[in-house]
Amino acid sequence: MSNQDMFMRLLELPSQGYACSQILLMLGMELNGDENSAVVRTMAGLNEGMYGSGRLCGCLTGGSCLLGYFSGKGLDVRKGVTDSSEDDAEIKKSMVSCSKKLIIAADNTKFGTISFAKVVDFRKGDILVTDSLPDDTWAQRLADIGVVVVTEDS
């Protein structure tokens, strides 16, 4: 996708009803050749910030989720977020260490997968945005840790 194509797509998406966090994730996924409408719909819950609302701007939450989308290759309740590259995992650990809150966007295929290098454990207050959880066990374990789960049904 050329820069001009990207710019035109950026102008087109708001007129289709997409908000900032959704647009950032969609563009990143499209550049990667991926598509997941359920995860994009779920991102709508991370909008309506700025302008005195006290909530985070959708651009910030969308950017965080896009980093999470590219970051994690696997999610496991006990092992946390993992990646297939040790070098990439180290860079991501540095980014996470600078954050107060972690927002992870992951589709349901990442659950139960453990890759080579650990990035981070799930922490109380983290947010997981996903199209769906694989089962109620995941929902309960994440709730026990204190992770906020945002799905298209929530």
Protein backbone atom coordinates (compact mmCIF):
# COMPACT_ATOMS: atom_id res chain seq x y z
CA MET A 1 0.00 0.00 0.00
CA SER A 2 1.46 3.32 -1.04
CA ASN A 3 1.47 6.37 1.21
CA GLN A 4 -1.23 7.92 -0.98
CA ASP A 5 -3.38 4.77 -0.67
CA MET A 6 -2.89 4.77 3.09
CA PHE A 7 -3.90 8.43 3.31
CA MET A 8 -7.03 7.83 1.23
CA ARG A 9 -7.95 4.83 3.39
CA LEU A 10 -7.41 6.96 6.50
CA LEU A 11 -9.87 9.54 5.14
CA GLU A 12 -12.37 6.89 4.09
CA LEU A 13 -12.72 4.92 7.35
CA PRO A 14 -14.23 7.66 9.59
CA SER A 15 -17.02 8.18 7.06
CA GLN A 16 -17.81 4.47 7.42
CA GLY A 17 -18.35 4.95 11.16
CA TYR A 18 -14.98 3.75 12.46
CA ALA A 19 -13.36 5.52 15.40
CA CYS A 20 -9.68 6.32 15.94
CA SER A 21 -8.68 3.16 17.83
CA GLN A 22 -10.39 1.00 15.22
CA ILE A 23 -8.78 2.86 12.33
CA LEU A 24 -5.25 2.48 13.68
CA LEU A 25 -5.68 -1.24 14.27
CA MET A 26 -7.35 -1.77 10.88
CA LEU A 27 -4.59 0.03 8.99
CA GLY A 28 -1.90 -1.95 10.78
CA MET A 29 -3.69 -5.22 10.11
CA GLU A 30 -4.22 -4.34 6.45
CA LEU A 31 -0.54 -3.50 6.02
CA ASN A 32 0.21 -6.93 7.43
CA GLY A 33 -2.30 -8.59 5.09
CA ASP A 34 -4.64 -9.51 7.97
CA GLU A 35 -8.29 -8.89 8.67
CA ASN A 36 -10.39 -9.54 11.77
CA SER A 37 -13.66 -7.63 11.86
CA ALA A 38 -14.57 -8.94 15.32
CA VAL A 39 -11.43 -7.50 16.92
CA VAL A 40 -11.95 -4.22 15.05
CA ARG A 41 -15.57 -3.99 16.29
CA THR A 42 -14.39 -4.67 19.83
CA MET A 43 -11.96 -1.74 19.62
CA ALA A 44 -14.94 0.64 19.66
CA GLY A 45 -14.99 0.21 23.44
CA LEU A 46 -11.66 2.04 23.66
CA ASN A 47 -12.82 5.33 22.16
CA GLU A 48 -14.39 8.57 23.32
CA GLY A 49 -11.37 9.95 25.14
CA MET A 50 -9.82 13.44 25.19
CA TYR A 51 -11.73 16.71 25.30
CA GLY A 52 -12.05 16.70 29.09
CA SER A 53 -13.53 13.21 29.27
CA GLY A 54 -10.73 11.90 31.47
CA ARG A 55 -10.38 8.84 29.22
CA LEU A 56 -7.48 7.97 26.95
CA CYS A 57 -7.60 9.15 23.37
CA GLY A 58 -8.59 6.45 20.88
CA CYS A 59 -5.35 7.09 18.97
CA LEU A 60 -3.34 6.16 22.04
CA THR A 61 -5.39 3.07 22.86
CA GLY A 62 -5.46 2.02 19.22
CA GLY A 63 -1.70 2.46 18.92
CA SER A 64 -1.16 0.43 22.07
CA CYS A 65 -3.34 -2.36 20.73
CA LEU A 66 -1.55 -2.27 17.39
CA LEU A 67 1.76 -2.74 19.20
CA GLY A 68 0.20 -5.61 21.12
CA TYR A 69 -1.16 -7.07 17.89
CA PHE A 70 2.30 -7.15 16.37
CA SER A 71 3.93 -8.12 19.66
CA GLY A 72 2.34 -11.27 20.93
CA LYS A 73 2.52 -14.56 19.14
CA GLY A 74 1.01 -16.45 22.04
CA LEU A 75 -1.09 -15.90 25.16
CA ASP A 76 -1.11 -18.18 28.15
CA VAL A 77 -2.58 -17.43 31.58
CA ARG A 78 0.50 -18.74 33.38
CA LYS A 79 3.21 -17.72 30.87
CA GLY A 80 1.66 -14.39 29.79
CA VAL A 81 2.44 -12.88 26.38
CA THR A 82 5.14 -14.67 24.41
CA ASP A 83 6.93 -14.06 21.13
CA SER A 84 8.82 -16.22 18.66
CA SER A 85 11.89 -13.94 18.64
CA GLU A 86 14.05 -13.35 21.70
CA ASP A 87 15.37 -10.05 20.27
CA ASP A 88 11.85 -8.79 19.57
CA ALA A 89 10.73 -9.88 23.03
CA GLU A 90 13.50 -7.81 24.64
CA ILE A 91 12.45 -4.69 22.72
CA LYS A 92 8.83 -5.27 23.71
CA LYS A 93 9.81 -5.78 27.36
CA SER A 94 11.45 -2.35 27.27
CA MET A 95 8.30 -0.79 25.86
CA VAL A 96 6.14 -2.50 28.49
CA SER A 97 8.44 -1.35 31.30
CA CYS A 98 7.72 2.26 30.29
CA SER A 99 3.96 1.79 30.45
CA LYS A 100 1.58 2.04 33.37
CA LYS A 101 -1.08 -0.03 31.65
CA LEU A 102 -0.79 -2.71 29.02
CA ILE A 103 -3.44 -3.03 26.32
CA ILE A 104 -3.20 -6.24 24.29
CA ALA A 105 -5.18 -6.90 21.11
CA ALA A 106 -5.29 -10.57 20.22
CA ASP A 107 -7.60 -12.74 18.21
CA ASN A 108 -8.76 -16.06 19.61
CA THR A 109 -6.08 -18.07 17.77
CA LYS A 110 -3.38 -16.73 20.12
CA PHE A 111 -4.88 -18.26 23.29
CA GLY A 112 -3.15 -21.30 24.69
CA THR A 113 -0.12 -20.79 22.44
CA ILE A 114 3.29 -20.44 24.07
CA SER A 115 6.10 -19.11 21.92
CA PHE A 116 9.83 -19.14 22.57
CA ALA A 117 10.44 -15.89 24.44
CA LYS A 118 8.38 -14.38 27.26
CA VAL A 119 7.38 -10.74 26.86
CA VAL A 120 5.28 -10.02 29.96
CA ASP A 121 2.92 -11.55 32.49
CA PHE A 122 -0.66 -10.45 32.67
CA ARG A 123 -1.01 -7.82 35.42
CA LYS A 124 -3.88 -6.40 37.42
CA GLY A 125 -5.46 -3.54 35.46
CA ASP A 126 -4.19 -4.66 32.05
CA ILE A 127 -6.73 -4.69 29.22
CA LEU A 128 -7.14 -7.56 26.78
CA VAL A 129 -9.12 -6.78 23.62
CA THR A 130 -10.20 -9.88 21.71
CA ASP A 131 -12.89 -11.18 19.39
CA SER A 132 -13.68 -13.98 21.84
CA LEU A 133 -12.23 -15.96 24.71
CA PRO A 134 -11.76 -19.67 24.06
CA ASP A 135 -13.77 -20.73 27.13
CA ASP A 136 -15.05 -19.74 30.58
CA THR A 137 -11.84 -20.98 32.21
CA TRP A 138 -9.90 -18.20 30.48
CA ALA A 139 -12.46 -15.61 31.57
CA GLN A 140 -12.23 -16.74 35.19
CA ARG A 141 -8.43 -16.93 35.28
CA LEU A 142 -8.04 -13.46 33.77
CA ALA A 143 -10.66 -12.07 36.18
CA ASP A 144 -8.75 -13.63 39.09
CA ILE A 145 -5.59 -11.81 37.97
CA GLY A 146 -7.51 -8.55 37.50
CA VAL A 147 -7.22 -8.27 33.72
CA VAL A 148 -10.08 -6.38 32.07
CA VAL A 149 -11.35 -8.30 29.06
CA VAL A 150 -13.08 -6.43 26.25
CA THR A 151 -14.89 -8.56 23.67
CA GLU A 152 -17.48 -7.70 21.07
CA ASP A 153 -20.09 -9.13 23.47
CA SER A 154 -19.05 -6.97 26.44
